[in-house]
C-alpha atoms as a PDB file:
ATOM      1  CA  MET A   1     106.633 109.306 104.694  1.00  0.00           C
ATOM      2  CA  ILE A   2     104.230 107.412 102.226  1.00  0.00           C
ATOM      3  CA  PRO A   3     100.473 107.626 103.064  1.00  0.00           C
ATOM      4  CA  PHE A   4      98.738 104.049 102.449  1.00  0.00           C
ATOM      5  CA  LEU A   5      95.236 103.911 102.917  1.00  0.00           C
ATOM      6  CA  GLY A   6      95.251 106.324 106.029  1.00  0.00           C
ATOM      7  CA  VAL A   7      98.350 104.881 107.445  1.00  0.00           C
ATOM      8  CA  ILE A   8     101.514 106.230 107.379  1.00  0.00           C
ATOM      9  CA  VAL A   9     104.415 103.961 106.023  1.00  0.00           C
ATOM     10  CA  MET A  10     107.968 105.058 106.647  1.00  0.00           C
ATOM     11  CA  PHE A  11     110.873 102.981 105.141  1.00  0.00           C
ATOM     12  CA  LYS A  12     114.563 103.567 103.969  1.00  0.00           C
ATOM     13  CA  VAL A  13     116.030 101.760 100.922  1.00  0.00           C
ATOM     14  CA  ASN A  14     119.595 101.490 101.878  1.00  0.00           C
ATOM     15  CA  LYS A  15     120.629  99.426  98.835  1.00  0.00           C
ATOM     16  CA  ILE A  16     119.357  99.859  95.173  1.00  0.00           C
ATOM     17  CA  GLU A  17     119.396  96.328  93.763  1.00  0.00           C
ATOM     18  CA  LYS A  18     120.669  95.633  90.259  1.00  0.00           C
ATOM     19  CA  ILE A  19     118.130  93.566  88.457  1.00  0.00           C
ATOM     20  CA  ASN A  20     119.327  90.465  86.844  1.00  0.00           C
ATOM     21  CA  LYS A  21     117.293  90.761  83.493  1.00  0.00           C
ATOM     22  CA  SER A  22     117.694  86.970  82.602  1.00  0.00           C
ATOM     23  CA  LYS A  23     115.690  86.363  85.998  1.00  0.00           C
ATOM     24  CA  ALA A  24     113.233  89.160  85.591  1.00  0.00           C
ATOM     25  CA  ASN A  25     110.997  87.140  83.355  1.00  0.00           C
ATOM     26  CA  VAL A  26     107.405  88.144  84.589  1.00  0.00           C
ATOM     27  CA  PRO A  27     106.210  91.336  82.491  1.00  0.00           C
ATOM     28  CA  MET A  28     103.451  93.244  84.177  1.00  0.00           C
ATOM     29  CA  THR A  29     101.768  96.349  83.792  1.00  0.00           C
ATOM     30  CA  ILE A  30     101.266  98.610  87.053  1.00  0.00           C
ATOM     31  CA  ARG A  31      99.431 101.711  87.402  1.00  0.00           C
ATOM     32  CA  PHE A  32     100.963 104.307  89.777  1.00  0.00           C
ATOM     33  CA  PRO A  33      99.449 107.311  91.657  1.00  0.00           C
ATOM     34  CA  GLU A  34     101.093 110.291  89.687  1.00  0.00           C
ATOM     35  CA  ASP A  35     102.994 111.368  92.990  1.00  0.00           C
ATOM     36  CA  VAL A  36     104.418 107.891  93.732  1.00  0.00           C
ATOM     37  CA  TYR A  37     105.381 107.925  90.027  1.00  0.00           C
ATOM     38  CA  THR A  38     106.901 111.325  90.202  1.00  0.00           C
ATOM     39  CA  SER A  39     108.996 110.656  93.027  1.00  0.00           C
ATOM     40  CA  TYR A  40     110.043 107.367  92.022  1.00  0.00           C
ATOM     41  CA  LYS A  41     111.246 108.876  88.708  1.00  0.00           C
ATOM     42  CA  LYS A  42     112.876 111.659  90.352  1.00  0.00           C
ATOM     43  CA  LEU A  43     114.774 108.815  92.834  1.00  0.00           C
ATOM     44  CA  SER A  44     115.633 106.926  89.493  1.00  0.00           C
ATOM     45  CA  GLU A  45     117.379 109.852  87.727  1.00  0.00           C
ATOM     46  CA  GLU A  46     119.150 111.172  90.899  1.00  0.00           C
ATOM     47  CA  SER A  47     120.637 107.660  91.611  1.00  0.00           C
ATOM     48  CA  ASN A  48     121.432 106.752  88.168  1.00  0.00           C
ATOM     49  CA  GLN A  49     119.183 103.481  88.565  1.00  0.00           C
ATOM     50  CA  SER A  50     116.360 102.031  86.354  1.00  0.00           C
ATOM     51  CA  PHE A  51     112.867 102.859  87.369  1.00  0.00           C
ATOM     52  CA  ASN A  52     112.426  99.356  87.547  1.00  0.00           C
ATOM     53  CA  SER A  53     115.267  98.761  90.017  1.00  0.00           C
ATOM     54  CA  ILE A  54     114.078 101.258  92.226  1.00  0.00           C
ATOM     55  CA  VAL A  55     110.425  99.857  92.536  1.00  0.00           C
ATOM     56  CA  ILE A  56     112.014  96.196  92.857  1.00  0.00           C
ATOM     57  CA  SER A  57     114.081  97.171  95.586  1.00  0.00           C
ATOM     58  CA  ALA A  58     111.416  98.873  97.212  1.00  0.00           C
ATOM     59  CA  LEU A  59     109.019  96.121  97.288  1.00  0.00           C
ATOM     60  CA  ARG A  60     111.472  93.558  98.379  1.00  0.00           C
ATOM     61  CA  TYR A  61     112.326  95.623 101.359  1.00  0.00           C
ATOM     62  CA  SER A  62     108.443  96.196 102.050  1.00  0.00           C
ATOM     63  CA  LEU A  63     108.144  92.407 101.787  1.00  0.00           C
ATOM     64  CA  GLU A  64     111.078  91.603 104.217  1.00  0.00           C
ATOM     65  CA  ASN A  65     109.842  94.018 106.745  1.00  0.00           C
ATOM     66  CA  LEU A  66     106.266  93.315 106.886  1.00  0.00           C
ATOM     67  CA  GLU A  67     104.977  93.245 110.354  1.00  0.00           C
ATOM     68  CA  LYS A  68     103.033  90.010 110.687  1.00  0.00           C
END
């Protein structure tokens, strides 16, 4: 469970997406809360996937499953 502005958001990322670096062409700086960074970093290390792939997969999943 991930707390977000007082709301509990639950999701499961079933597949970590490989990022095609030639299509990932928008550089951006983002600041993470320390607990979120630590969790994503740990997941990255345990799954042998890049941190960026983990974040992109979670972002895409959340966009695809957003309630309207």
